[in-house]
Each structure stands twice: as structure tokens, then as C-alpha cells.
Amino acid sequence: MNIFKEFLYRRYKISFSKSGEDILLSKILQNFKSGTYVDIGCWHPIKASNTYFFYLRGYRGICIDPNPQLKLEFSKSRKTDTLITCGVGGTASELDYYVIKHDESMNTFNPLFIEENGLQDSVKEILKIPVRPLAGILRETCSPGQELLFFDVDVEGYDFEVLQSNNWEDFRPYAVMVESNLCLKEDMNSDINGFLEEKGYSIYAKTVINKDLGNLIFLRNDFYK
């Protein structure tokens, strides 16, 4: 990226998210001038990114994605972020990772996602990718007392498993954002909402990407205290 374009991105509040999620989060977290985000299923370092806006403003991140081809892109555009190439799940294992032709944002570990979206003929290759619990990743990458601003979770059907794999006593971000394709009424009764309520979070907002598809934003219950 050229210096002039990066200057413009920093100078003006340009959104890189699909529906302005980065701008909304920046308003919610406006009192925090530094901190760390954790981008799980980050995909591209700039396109449709919910965290690049924060990177440009001096925040730093832990970006996690199974796609090994992202290393070169991140080395160019997100040099001070930490990129970890693996999947995230409840136990350490190895899973089949489906790489989709022409749209790697649809890559997934979930064969049902492939079937439900009619992507069987679009699978370019299937890779064996390591999967690790989020808690273990954060123990290795976070310093003691490091302030976590938010989690951004978008893993095409495995979001609940990702959240379950965290240690919520040790790693408690102020906000958690999770993609959902449910209607809001179903979101309120979902496993994800029930789980995060148990961990001390409440739904604050939902953005709209397409019909019911959007991002749920949860805030820690003590956020405004």
C-alpha cells in the first residue's frame, strides 16, 4: 500500500468492514487509545476487515486464520500484528480445511457449510490444518495483564466452539463480535447468547449485512460501570 493511501485511511474514518462494524466498535471503545484485538477467522488483512481500522490507529492484534496463503499479505499490510495460521476449536487436532475457488472468504472446516451453500463444485483443494483452543493461543501470545479490547469471531459455523475454547477468567475482552445468520429473536435464544450471558456479557447491537446475516456485538456487563 502506498504511503498517501495509508495517510488518507488514517486521516479519515473510512470503514473496511462489510457494514461499518469497525466504526461502531471505535465509538463504543473510544475511551481506549491503545489495546489488543483478537481477530479469529480474520481472512484478508484489509478487505472486509473489522480490525484494519484499529491497526491504522496504533492498536495491535492477534490475527488467527487457517489459510496459509495469508502470510504474504499480512507481512505487507499488517507488519506489527501477530498472524497465527491455524484453526480454533475445543481440542488440539487436525481437520480438513476446504479452500473455495475465487472466494477464499468462504473457506471453511465445516462440510455442512459447503453443502448448505452449494459450494461442492467450488472446492479448489482440501488441506490438513492444525486446530488449537483459543485459550492456549492467547496464553502464548498475550503478556500478563495485557488489555484485550475485543474479539472478532467469524469462522463459518464454528463460532460457538471458538467461544467455548477460551478461558473467560483469564481473557475477558470488553467486547465480543460474532457473525450470525439468525433473526434477532433467534439470536436472543441462541447457544451463543446463553453462553456469553453466563460469562458476563450482554447483546448490545446487531449490524446488518444481508437480511438476517450480520454481526452481534456483546459488551461485558461491567463495561459502563
Protein backbone atom coordinates (compact mmCIF):
# COMPACT_ATOMS: atom_id res chain seq x y z
CA MET A 1 0.00 0.00 0.00
CA ASN A 2 1.37 3.43 -0.90
CA ILE A 3 2.06 5.99 1.81
CA PHE A 4 -0.51 8.51 0.52
CA LYS A 5 -3.35 6.00 0.61
CA GLU A 6 -2.40 4.87 4.12
CA PHE A 7 -2.34 8.51 5.24
CA LEU A 8 -5.88 9.01 3.91
CA TYR A 9 -7.06 5.86 5.67
CA ARG A 10 -5.66 7.16 8.96
CA ARG A 11 -6.84 10.74 8.49
CA TYR A 12 -10.46 9.96 7.64
CA LYS A 13 -12.84 7.49 9.25
CA ILE A 14 -13.04 5.09 6.33
CA SER A 15 -14.71 1.77 7.14
CA PHE A 16 -13.24 -1.51 5.93
CA SER A 17 -15.99 -3.68 7.41
CA LYS A 18 -18.95 -5.02 5.44
CA SER A 19 -21.44 -2.85 7.34
CA GLY A 20 -19.47 -0.29 9.34
CA GLU A 21 -18.75 -2.58 12.29
CA ASP A 22 -15.29 -1.05 12.76
CA ILE A 23 -16.70 2.47 13.05
CA LEU A 24 -19.34 1.31 15.54
CA LEU A 25 -16.74 -0.50 17.63
CA SER A 26 -14.47 2.55 17.57
CA LYS A 27 -17.29 4.62 19.06
CA ILE A 28 -18.02 2.02 21.72
CA LEU A 29 -14.31 1.77 22.61
CA GLN A 30 -13.47 5.45 22.11
CA ASN A 31 -12.00 5.84 25.60
CA PHE A 32 -9.31 3.25 24.85
CA LYS A 33 -6.39 4.75 22.95
CA SER A 34 -4.41 1.50 22.90
CA GLY A 35 -5.02 -2.17 23.39
CA THR A 36 -5.23 -5.50 21.62
CA TYR A 37 -7.88 -7.05 19.40
CA VAL A 38 -8.16 -10.76 18.60
CA ASP A 39 -9.40 -11.41 15.06
CA ILE A 40 -10.47 -15.06 14.72
CA GLY A 41 -11.14 -16.02 11.12
CA CYS A 42 -9.53 -12.77 10.02
CA TRP A 43 -9.23 -13.62 6.30
CA HIS A 44 -7.73 -10.71 4.28
CA PRO A 45 -5.70 -8.04 6.18
CA ILE A 46 -7.70 -5.17 4.60
CA LYS A 47 -10.73 -6.35 2.59
CA ALA A 48 -13.91 -6.72 4.67
CA SER A 49 -11.74 -6.45 7.80
CA ASN A 50 -13.27 -5.46 11.12
CA THR A 51 -9.82 -4.75 12.59
CA TYR A 52 -7.76 -2.91 9.97
CA PHE A 53 -9.32 0.42 11.04
CA PHE A 54 -7.86 -0.17 14.52
CA TYR A 55 -4.49 -1.30 13.18
CA LEU A 56 -4.10 2.01 11.32
CA ARG A 57 -4.65 3.88 14.58
CA GLY A 58 -1.95 2.14 16.56
CA TYR A 59 -3.85 -0.73 18.13
CA ARG A 60 -2.27 -4.14 17.77
CA GLY A 61 -3.78 -7.51 17.11
CA ILE A 62 -3.59 -11.25 17.22
CA CYS A 63 -4.99 -12.44 13.89
CA ILE A 64 -5.88 -16.11 13.51
CA ASP A 65 -6.85 -17.86 10.27
CA PRO A 66 -6.28 -21.35 8.83
CA ASN A 67 -5.39 -20.10 5.34
CA PRO A 68 -1.59 -20.41 4.94
CA GLN A 69 -1.64 -18.13 1.89
CA LEU A 70 -2.41 -15.10 4.08
CA LYS A 71 1.15 -14.89 5.42
CA LEU A 72 2.44 -12.86 2.48
CA GLU A 73 -0.48 -10.40 2.55
CA PHE A 74 -0.12 -9.79 6.29
CA SER A 75 3.64 -9.36 6.02
CA LYS A 76 2.97 -6.44 3.65
CA SER A 77 -0.03 -4.75 5.28
CA ARG A 78 -0.08 -5.71 8.98
CA LYS A 79 3.62 -5.95 9.89
CA THR A 80 3.16 -5.35 13.61
CA ASP A 81 0.22 -7.71 14.06
CA THR A 82 0.76 -11.35 15.02
CA LEU A 83 -0.64 -13.79 12.44
CA ILE A 84 -1.25 -17.37 13.58
CA THR A 85 -2.09 -19.89 10.87
CA CYS A 86 -4.38 -22.48 12.43
CA GLY A 87 -7.99 -23.22 13.18
CA VAL A 88 -9.59 -22.67 16.60
CA GLY A 89 -11.59 -25.34 18.41
CA GLY A 90 -12.17 -27.14 21.65
CA THR A 91 -9.26 -29.56 21.48
CA ALA A 92 -5.93 -29.71 19.67
CA SER A 93 -6.44 -31.71 16.49
CA GLU A 94 -6.15 -31.60 12.72
CA LEU A 95 -9.11 -31.05 10.39
CA ASP A 96 -9.91 -30.91 6.68
CA TYR A 97 -9.96 -27.29 5.50
CA TYR A 98 -11.95 -26.62 2.33
CA VAL A 99 -10.45 -23.93 0.08
CA ILE A 100 -13.02 -22.29 -2.21
CA LYS A 101 -12.14 -21.16 -5.74
CA HIS A 102 -12.49 -17.43 -6.45
CA ASP A 103 -13.74 -16.58 -2.92
CA GLU A 104 -11.44 -17.62 -0.10
CA SER A 105 -13.60 -15.69 2.38
CA MET A 106 -15.87 -18.77 2.16
CA ASN A 107 -13.13 -21.23 3.18
CA THR A 108 -14.32 -23.47 5.98
CA PHE A 109 -13.74 -26.53 8.13
CA ASN A 110 -17.46 -27.24 8.05
CA PRO A 111 -18.63 -29.67 5.31
CA LEU A 112 -22.26 -28.78 6.10
CA PHE A 113 -21.48 -25.15 5.23
CA ILE A 114 -20.22 -26.35 1.84
CA GLU A 115 -23.41 -28.32 1.25
CA GLU A 116 -25.82 -25.66 2.51
CA ASN A 117 -24.28 -23.03 0.24
CA GLY A 118 -23.98 -25.25 -2.84
CA LEU A 119 -20.18 -24.99 -2.94
CA GLN A 120 -19.37 -28.63 -3.68
CA ASP A 121 -18.11 -27.82 -7.19
CA SER A 122 -16.19 -24.76 -5.98
CA VAL A 123 -13.80 -26.58 -3.66
CA LYS A 124 -10.30 -26.00 -5.03
CA GLU A 125 -8.42 -28.15 -2.54
CA ILE A 126 -8.71 -29.70 0.91
CA LEU A 127 -5.83 -29.05 3.31
CA LYS A 128 -5.00 -30.66 6.63
CA ILE A 129 -4.77 -27.76 9.11
CA PRO A 130 -3.99 -27.84 12.85
CA VAL A 131 -6.73 -26.72 15.24
CA ARG A 132 -5.98 -25.30 18.70
CA PRO A 133 -8.04 -23.97 21.62
CA LEU A 134 -8.19 -20.18 21.83
CA ALA A 135 -7.07 -20.19 25.46
CA GLY A 136 -3.79 -21.86 24.53
CA ILE A 137 -3.13 -19.43 21.69
CA LEU A 138 -3.74 -16.44 23.95
CA ARG A 139 -1.52 -17.81 26.72
CA GLU A 140 1.34 -17.95 24.22
CA THR A 141 0.74 -14.55 22.58
CA CYS A 142 -0.52 -12.26 25.35
CA SER A 143 1.61 -10.63 28.02
CA PRO A 144 0.49 -10.76 31.70
CA GLY A 145 -2.11 -8.06 32.26
CA GLN A 146 -2.41 -7.25 28.55
CA GLU A 147 -5.65 -5.36 27.89
CA LEU A 148 -7.90 -7.10 25.37
CA LEU A 149 -10.29 -4.70 23.64
CA PHE A 150 -12.43 -7.07 21.60
CA PHE A 151 -12.75 -10.47 19.97
CA ASP A 152 -13.97 -10.63 16.37
CA VAL A 153 -15.21 -14.14 15.54
CA ASP A 154 -16.16 -15.19 12.00
CA VAL A 155 -15.46 -18.86 11.36
CA GLU A 156 -18.33 -20.05 9.15
CA GLY A 157 -20.28 -22.27 11.53
CA TYR A 158 -17.77 -22.94 14.32
CA ASP A 159 -18.28 -19.68 16.25
CA PHE A 160 -19.76 -21.35 19.33
CA GLU A 161 -16.87 -23.86 19.55
CA VAL A 162 -14.38 -20.99 19.28
CA LEU A 163 -16.01 -19.13 22.17
CA GLN A 164 -16.12 -22.29 24.29
CA SER A 165 -12.39 -22.83 23.76
CA ASN A 166 -11.45 -19.57 25.52
CA ASN A 167 -10.61 -19.25 29.22
CA TRP A 168 -13.03 -16.48 30.19
CA GLU A 169 -11.46 -15.94 33.59
CA ASP A 170 -8.05 -15.13 32.11
CA PHE A 171 -9.04 -13.49 28.82
CA ARG A 172 -12.03 -11.14 29.08
CA PRO A 173 -12.24 -8.56 26.29
CA TYR A 174 -14.54 -5.58 26.69
CA ALA A 175 -16.49 -6.53 23.56
CA VAL A 176 -17.14 -9.68 21.56
CA MET A 177 -18.38 -9.61 17.97
CA VAL A 178 -19.77 -12.77 16.37
CA GLU A 179 -21.27 -13.25 12.92
CA SER A 180 -24.81 -14.65 12.89
CA ASN A 181 -27.31 -15.53 10.16
CA LEU A 182 -30.23 -15.93 12.57
CA CYS A 183 -33.06 -13.46 13.03
CA LEU A 184 -32.69 -11.31 16.15
CA LYS A 185 -35.35 -13.26 18.07
CA GLU A 186 -33.41 -16.49 17.45
CA ASP A 187 -30.16 -14.74 18.37
CA MET A 188 -31.63 -13.92 21.76
CA ASN A 189 -32.38 -17.62 22.34
CA SER A 190 -29.20 -18.98 20.77
CA ASP A 191 -26.48 -21.08 22.40
CA ILE A 192 -24.01 -18.25 21.81
CA ASN A 193 -26.13 -15.69 23.64
CA GLY A 194 -26.79 -18.07 26.53
CA PHE A 195 -23.10 -18.94 26.81
CA LEU A 196 -21.89 -15.33 26.77
CA GLU A 197 -24.57 -14.31 29.27
CA GLU A 198 -23.13 -16.93 31.63
CA LYS A 199 -19.69 -15.37 31.09
CA GLY A 200 -20.94 -11.88 32.00
CA TYR A 201 -21.78 -10.37 28.59
CA SER A 202 -24.98 -8.96 27.06
CA ILE A 203 -26.07 -8.24 23.50
CA TYR A 204 -25.54 -4.56 22.72
CA ALA A 205 -26.28 -4.38 18.98
CA LYS A 206 -26.53 -6.28 15.72
CA THR A 207 -25.36 -4.95 12.38
CA VAL A 208 -27.00 -5.85 9.07
CA ILE A 209 -25.02 -7.33 6.17
CA ASN A 210 -27.78 -9.08 4.22
CA LYS A 211 -31.25 -9.92 5.57
CA ASP A 212 -30.65 -11.76 8.88
CA LEU A 213 -26.90 -12.02 8.32
CA GLY A 214 -24.98 -9.59 10.48
CA ASN A 215 -22.62 -9.24 13.42
CA LEU A 216 -23.77 -9.48 17.02
CA ILE A 217 -21.89 -7.20 19.40
CA PHE A 218 -21.73 -8.20 23.06
CA LEU A 219 -20.38 -5.97 25.83
CA ARG A 220 -19.02 -7.05 29.16
CA ASN A 221 -21.61 -6.32 31.85
CA ASP A 222 -19.22 -4.10 33.80
CA PHE A 223 -18.27 -2.06 30.70
CA TYR A 224 -20.16 1.09 31.72
CA LYS A 225 -19.58 0.80 35.47
